[in-house]
C-alpha atoms as a PDB file:
ATOM      1  CA  UNK A   1      -1.242  16.419  23.865  1.00  0.00           C
ATOM      2  CA  UNK A   2      -3.500  13.726  22.473  1.00  0.00           C
ATOM      3  CA  UNK A   3      -2.273  10.331  21.325  1.00  0.00           C
ATOM      4  CA  UNK A   4      -4.254   8.450  18.733  1.00  0.00           C
ATOM      5  CA  UNK A   5      -4.496   4.713  19.073  1.00  0.00           C
ATOM      6  CA  UNK A   6      -2.097   2.540  17.048  1.00  0.00           C
ATOM      7  CA  UNK A   7      -5.060   0.563  15.701  1.00  0.00           C
ATOM      8  CA  UNK A   8      -6.584   3.711  14.172  1.00  0.00           C
ATOM      9  CA  UNK A   9      -3.257   4.749  12.642  1.00  0.00           C
ATOM     10  CA  UNK A  10      -2.633   1.295  11.176  1.00  0.00           C
ATOM     11  CA  UNK A  11      -6.208   1.164   9.871  1.00  0.00           C
ATOM     12  CA  UNK A  12      -5.723   4.455   8.047  1.00  0.00           C
ATOM     13  CA  UNK A  13      -2.409   3.200   6.624  1.00  0.00           C
ATOM     14  CA  UNK A  14      -4.026  -0.001   5.363  1.00  0.00           C
ATOM     15  CA  UNK A  15      -6.903   1.984   3.827  1.00  0.00           C
ATOM     16  CA  UNK A  16      -4.496   4.343   2.072  1.00  0.00           C
ATOM     17  CA  UNK A  17      -2.372   1.440   0.828  1.00  0.00           C
ATOM     18  CA  UNK A  18      -5.502  -0.217  -0.563  1.00  0.00           C
ATOM     19  CA  UNK A  19      -6.972   2.847  -2.261  1.00  0.00           C
ATOM     20  CA  UNK A  20      -3.757   4.304  -3.735  1.00  0.00           C
ATOM     21  CA  UNK A  21      -3.071   1.530  -6.317  1.00  0.00           C
ATOM     22  CA  UNK A  22      -6.717   1.595  -7.378  1.00  0.00           C
ATOM     23  CA  UNK A  23      -6.632   5.355  -7.852  1.00  0.00           C
ATOM     24  CA  UNK A  24      -3.405   5.193  -9.843  1.00  0.00           C
ATOM     25  CA  UNK A  25      -4.718   2.372 -12.040  1.00  0.00           C
ATOM     26  CA  UNK A  26      -7.895   4.312 -12.835  1.00  0.00           C
ATOM     27  CA  UNK A  27      -6.003   7.308 -14.245  1.00  0.00           C
ATOM     28  CA  UNK A  28      -5.575   6.931 -18.010  1.00  0.00           C
ATOM     29  CA  UNK A  29      -2.154   7.666 -19.449  1.00  0.00           C
ATOM     30  CA  UNK A  30      -2.319  10.803 -21.553  1.00  0.00           C
ATOM     31  CA  UNK A  31      -0.752  10.212 -24.950  1.00  0.00           C
ATOM     32  CA  UNK A  32      -0.833  13.791 -26.036  1.00  0.00           C
ATOM     33  CA  UNK A  33      -3.404  15.305 -28.337  1.00  0.00           C
ATOM     34  CA  UNK A  34      -4.178  12.854 -31.075  1.00  0.00           C
ATOM     35  CA  UNK A  35      -1.488  10.132 -30.926  1.00  0.00           C
ATOM     36  CA  UNK A  36      -1.230   6.704 -29.364  1.00  0.00           C
ATOM     37  CA  UNK A  37       2.171   5.028 -28.972  1.00  0.00           C
ATOM     38  CA  UNK A  38       2.712   1.350 -28.145  1.00  0.00           C
ATOM     39  CA  UNK A  39       5.630  -1.066 -27.925  1.00  0.00           C
ATOM     40  CA  UNK A  40       5.743  -4.767 -28.681  1.00  0.00           C
ATOM     41  CA  UNK A  41       9.163  -6.226 -27.986  1.00  0.00           C
ATOM     42  CA  UNK A  42      11.608  -4.088 -29.960  1.00  0.00           C
ATOM     43  CA  UNK A  43       8.935  -2.559 -32.231  1.00  0.00           C
ATOM     44  CA  UNK A  44       7.495   0.899 -31.550  1.00  0.00           C
ATOM     45  CA  UNK A  45       4.302   1.961 -33.329  1.00  0.00           C
ATOM     46  CA  UNK A  46       2.279   5.156 -33.362  1.00  0.00           C
ATOM     47  CA  UNK A  47      -1.275   5.791 -34.550  1.00  0.00           C
ATOM     48  CA  UNK A  48      -3.193   9.012 -35.018  1.00  0.00           C
ATOM     49  CA  UNK A  49      -6.314  10.350 -36.633  1.00  0.00           C
ATOM     50  CA  UNK A  50      -5.296  14.007 -36.523  1.00  0.00           C
ATOM     51  CA  UNK A  51      -3.598  14.286 -39.931  1.00  0.00           C
ATOM     52  CA  UNK A  52      -5.125  15.032 -43.324  1.00  0.00           C
ATOM     53  CA  UNK A  53      -3.867  13.912 -46.709  1.00  0.00           C
ATOM     54  CA  UNK A  54      -2.211  16.757 -48.603  1.00  0.00           C
ATOM     55  CA  UNK A  55      -0.697  15.971 -52.006  1.00  0.00           C
ATOM     56  CA  UNK A  56      -0.614  12.232 -51.254  1.00  0.00           C
ATOM     57  CA  UNK A  57       1.166  12.562 -47.897  1.00  0.00           C
ATOM     58  CA  UNK A  58      -0.226  12.177 -44.392  1.00  0.00           C
ATOM     59  CA  UNK A  59       2.929  13.418 -42.680  1.00  0.00           C
ATOM     60  CA  UNK A  60       5.894  11.933 -40.875  1.00  0.00           C
ATOM     61  CA  UNK A  61       6.667  10.450 -37.482  1.00  0.00           C
ATOM     62  CA  UNK A  62      10.045  10.619 -35.801  1.00  0.00           C
ATOM     63  CA  UNK A  63      11.607   8.501 -33.047  1.00  0.00           C
ATOM     64  CA  UNK A  64      14.093  10.540 -30.987  1.00  0.00           C
ATOM     65  CA  UNK A  65      16.562   9.444 -28.337  1.00  0.00           C
ATOM     66  CA  UNK A  66      17.217  11.676 -25.334  1.00  0.00           C
ATOM     67  CA  UNK A  67      20.369  13.062 -26.991  1.00  0.00           C
ATOM     68  CA  UNK A  68      18.568  14.089 -30.186  1.00  0.00           C
ATOM     69  CA  UNK A  69      16.997  17.487 -29.920  1.00  0.00           C
ATOM     70  CA  UNK A  70      15.071  18.033 -33.128  1.00  0.00           C
ATOM     71  CA  UNK A  71      12.538  16.230 -35.287  1.00  0.00           C
ATOM     72  CA  UNK A  72      14.980  15.964 -38.213  1.00  0.00           C
ATOM     73  CA  UNK A  73      17.626  14.127 -36.150  1.00  0.00           C
ATOM     74  CA  UNK A  74      15.441  11.109 -35.297  1.00  0.00           C
ATOM     75  CA  UNK A  75      14.503   8.011 -37.241  1.00  0.00           C
ATOM     76  CA  UNK A  76      11.775   9.334 -39.545  1.00  0.00           C
ATOM     77  CA  UNK A  77       8.986   7.216 -41.012  1.00  0.00           C
ATOM     78  CA  UNK A  78       6.245   8.332 -43.396  1.00  0.00           C
ATOM     79  CA  UNK A  79       2.708   7.925 -42.062  1.00  0.00           C
ATOM     80  CA  UNK A  80       0.424   5.587 -43.966  1.00  0.00           C
ATOM     81  CA  UNK A  81      -3.255   4.828 -43.561  1.00  0.00           C
ATOM     82  CA  UNK A  82      -6.753   6.101 -44.247  1.00  0.00           C
ATOM     83  CA  UNK A  83      -8.848   9.185 -43.458  1.00  0.00           C
ATOM     84  CA  UNK A  84      -9.720   7.770 -40.032  1.00  0.00           C
ATOM     85  CA  UNK A  85      -6.378   6.287 -38.956  1.00  0.00           C
ATOM     86  CA  UNK A  86      -2.736   6.876 -39.861  1.00  0.00           C
ATOM     87  CA  UNK A  87       0.164   4.880 -38.473  1.00  0.00           C
ATOM     88  CA  UNK A  88       3.921   4.372 -38.523  1.00  0.00           C
ATOM     89  CA  UNK A  89       6.269   1.818 -36.945  1.00  0.00           C
ATOM     90  CA  UNK A  90       9.955   1.335 -36.180  1.00  0.00           C
ATOM     91  CA  UNK A  91      11.427  -2.147 -35.802  1.00  0.00           C
ATOM     92  CA  UNK A  92      14.635  -3.364 -34.126  1.00  0.00           C
ATOM     93  CA  UNK A  93      14.644  -0.482 -31.639  1.00  0.00           C
ATOM     94  CA  UNK A  94      17.305  -0.795 -28.932  1.00  0.00           C
ATOM     95  CA  UNK A  95      16.221  -0.655 -25.281  1.00  0.00           C
ATOM     96  CA  UNK A  96      15.942   2.858 -23.890  1.00  0.00           C
ATOM     97  CA  UNK A  97      13.694   5.886 -23.537  1.00  0.00           C
ATOM     98  CA  UNK A  98      12.492   7.569 -26.716  1.00  0.00           C
ATOM     99  CA  UNK A  99      10.236  10.433 -27.744  1.00  0.00           C
ATOM    100  CA  UNK A 100       7.772   9.960 -30.605  1.00  0.00           C
ATOM    101  CA  UNK A 101       6.712  13.075 -32.525  1.00  0.00           C
ATOM    102  CA  UNK A 102       4.095  13.101 -35.293  1.00  0.00           C
ATOM    103  CA  UNK A 103       4.063  16.042 -37.710  1.00  0.00           C
ATOM    104  CA  UNK A 104       1.184  16.172 -40.202  1.00  0.00           C
ATOM    105  CA  UNK A 105       1.699  17.142 -43.834  1.00  0.00           C
ATOM    106  CA  UNK A 106       0.192  20.581 -43.146  1.00  0.00           C
ATOM    107  CA  UNK A 107       2.987  21.284 -40.638  1.00  0.00           C
ATOM    108  CA  UNK A 108       0.984  20.889 -37.432  1.00  0.00           C
ATOM    109  CA  UNK A 109       2.148  18.624 -34.642  1.00  0.00           C
ATOM    110  CA  UNK A 110      -0.349  15.836 -33.976  1.00  0.00           C
ATOM    111  CA  UNK A 111       1.313  14.951 -30.695  1.00  0.00           C
ATOM    112  CA  UNK A 112       4.399  13.996 -28.728  1.00  0.00           C
ATOM    113  CA  UNK A 113       4.837  11.128 -26.295  1.00  0.00           C
ATOM    114  CA  UNK A 114       7.695   9.421 -24.459  1.00  0.00           C
ATOM    115  CA  UNK A 115       8.003   5.648 -24.635  1.00  0.00           C
ATOM    116  CA  UNK A 116      10.291   3.126 -22.927  1.00  0.00           C
ATOM    117  CA  UNK A 117      11.533   0.126 -24.923  1.00  0.00           C
ATOM    118  CA  UNK A 118      12.621  -2.717 -22.663  1.00  0.00           C
ATOM    119  CA  UNK A 119      13.122  -5.641 -25.046  1.00  0.00           C
ATOM    120  CA  UNK A 120      16.287  -6.035 -27.081  1.00  0.00           C
ATOM    121  CA  UNK A 121      15.932  -6.672 -30.805  1.00  0.00           C
ATOM    122  CA  UNK A 122      15.205 -10.334 -31.329  1.00  0.00           C
ATOM    123  CA  UNK A 123      17.403 -12.459 -33.584  1.00  0.00           C
ATOM    124  CA  UNK A 124      15.910 -13.578 -36.888  1.00  0.00           C
ATOM    125  CA  UNK A 125      16.455 -17.297 -36.305  1.00  0.00           C
ATOM    126  CA  UNK A 126      13.458 -19.445 -35.490  1.00  0.00           C
ATOM    127  CA  UNK A 127      13.341 -21.246 -32.140  1.00  0.00           C
ATOM    128  CA  UNK A 128      14.008 -24.955 -32.030  1.00  0.00           C
ATOM    129  CA  UNK A 129      10.847 -27.027 -31.461  1.00  0.00           C
ATOM    130  CA  UNK A 130      12.630 -29.040 -28.759  1.00  0.00           C
ATOM    131  CA  UNK A 131      13.828 -25.985 -26.822  1.00  0.00           C
ATOM    132  CA  UNK A 132      11.975 -26.200 -23.526  1.00  0.00           C
ATOM    133  CA  UNK A 133      13.173 -25.678 -19.995  1.00  0.00           C
ATOM    134  CA  UNK A 134      14.058 -28.956 -18.339  1.00  0.00           C
ATOM    135  CA  UNK A 135      12.882 -27.804 -14.892  1.00  0.00           C
ATOM    136  CA  UNK A 136      10.234 -25.253 -15.838  1.00  0.00           C
ATOM    137  CA  UNK A 137      10.509 -21.516 -15.464  1.00  0.00           C
ATOM    138  CA  UNK A 138      12.836 -20.481 -12.663  1.00  0.00           C
ATOM    139  CA  UNK A 139      11.143 -17.131 -12.017  1.00  0.00           C
ATOM    140  CA  UNK A 140      12.258 -15.034  -9.113  1.00  0.00           C
ATOM    141  CA  UNK A 141      15.565 -16.716  -8.365  1.00  0.00           C
ATOM    142  CA  UNK A 142      17.684 -14.089 -10.078  1.00  0.00           C
ATOM    143  CA  UNK A 143      19.260 -16.377 -12.615  1.00  0.00           C
ATOM    144  CA  UNK A 144      20.820 -18.789 -10.162  1.00  0.00           C
ATOM    145  CA  UNK A 145      19.014 -21.909  -9.001  1.00  0.00           C
ATOM    146  CA  UNK A 146      20.645 -24.319  -6.605  1.00  0.00           C
ATOM    147  CA  UNK A 147      19.246 -27.529  -5.177  1.00  0.00           C
ATOM    148  CA  UNK A 148      20.092 -27.595  -1.487  1.00  0.00           C
ATOM    149  CA  UNK A 149      20.507 -30.898   0.302  1.00  0.00           C
ATOM    150  CA  UNK A 150      18.611 -32.185   3.316  1.00  0.00           C
ATOM    151  CA  UNK A 151      21.315 -31.089   5.770  1.00  0.00           C
ATOM    152  CA  UNK A 152      21.153 -27.482   4.571  1.00  0.00           C
ATOM    153  CA  UNK A 153      17.355 -27.387   4.762  1.00  0.00           C
ATOM    154  CA  UNK A 154      17.308 -28.941   8.273  1.00  0.00           C
ATOM    155  CA  UNK A 155      19.945 -26.447   9.468  1.00  0.00           C
ATOM    156  CA  UNK A 156      17.915 -23.556   8.087  1.00  0.00           C
ATOM    157  CA  UNK A 157      14.720 -24.840   9.686  1.00  0.00           C
ATOM    158  CA  UNK A 158      16.542 -25.198  13.005  1.00  0.00           C
ATOM    159  CA  UNK A 159      17.756 -21.599  12.837  1.00  0.00           C
ATOM    160  CA  UNK A 160      14.250 -20.332  12.059  1.00  0.00           C
ATOM    161  CA  UNK A 161      12.799 -22.382  14.925  1.00  0.00           C
ATOM    162  CA  UNK A 162      15.472 -21.117  17.341  1.00  0.00           C
ATOM    163  CA  UNK A 163      14.690 -17.564  16.287  1.00  0.00           C
ATOM    164  CA  UNK A 164      10.983 -18.061  16.955  1.00  0.00           C
ATOM    165  CA  UNK A 165      11.664 -19.589  20.374  1.00  0.00           C
ATOM    166  CA  UNK A 166      14.047 -16.756  21.291  1.00  0.00           C
ATOM    167  CA  UNK A 167      11.451 -14.174  20.251  1.00  0.00           C
ATOM    168  CA  UNK A 168       8.721 -15.859  22.311  1.00  0.00           C
ATOM    169  CA  UNK A 169      11.038 -16.076  25.356  1.00  0.00           C
ATOM    170  CA  UNK A 170      12.028 -12.399  25.013  1.00  0.00           C
ATOM    171  CA  UNK A 171       8.428 -11.226  24.751  1.00  0.00           C
ATOM    172  CA  UNK A 172       7.381 -13.335  27.756  1.00  0.00           C
ATOM    173  CA  UNK A 173      10.353 -12.112  29.787  1.00  0.00           C
ATOM    174  CA  UNK A 174       9.535  -8.513  28.856  1.00  0.00           C
ATOM    175  CA  UNK A 175       5.929  -8.892  29.990  1.00  0.00           C
ATOM    176  CA  UNK A 176       6.803 -10.476  33.342  1.00  0.00           C
ATOM    177  CA  UNK A 177      10.426  -9.738  34.271  1.00  0.00           C
ATOM    178  CA  UNK A 178      10.391 -11.906  37.424  1.00  0.00           C
ATOM    179  CA  UNK A 179       9.935 -15.079  35.340  1.00  0.00           C
ATOM    180  CA  UNK A 180      12.717 -16.925  33.567  1.00  0.00           C
END
């Protein structure tokens, strides 16, 4: 039985962890044949160039929730645009996962794509010009920010230092068991 060195194994792990995000970022997201769906806040929009104008109509687009099974059950919007680009949009869409389907006026499906809406519909009131955070953005604290006093910070630093000293003592003791 052959054992590989830990350095080689950790090197391969680091290489894989470095290459994997780059490989995933390089893969384009397939939008289906002929449609492109995007979200901005609570607005979902779809564009296509696959439809042709028949009797003044480009076709329709439908926004379906997971519980809606057919094109007719969703929120339907008529496509508008030119020969090179047709589009449709839905505003005030609640957060959730939706499926966008575009059916051209000749009855063919231009494409289907799932989309996730994360922003809630925004209220129609305008923000106050004096509304600014008093202490800046408190990102990463999970909604609760507390100012700890000097005693709490010193106690925490002492615990961290004691942990480091205990770790160093344990590792030294493990290396040479006859020493204290």
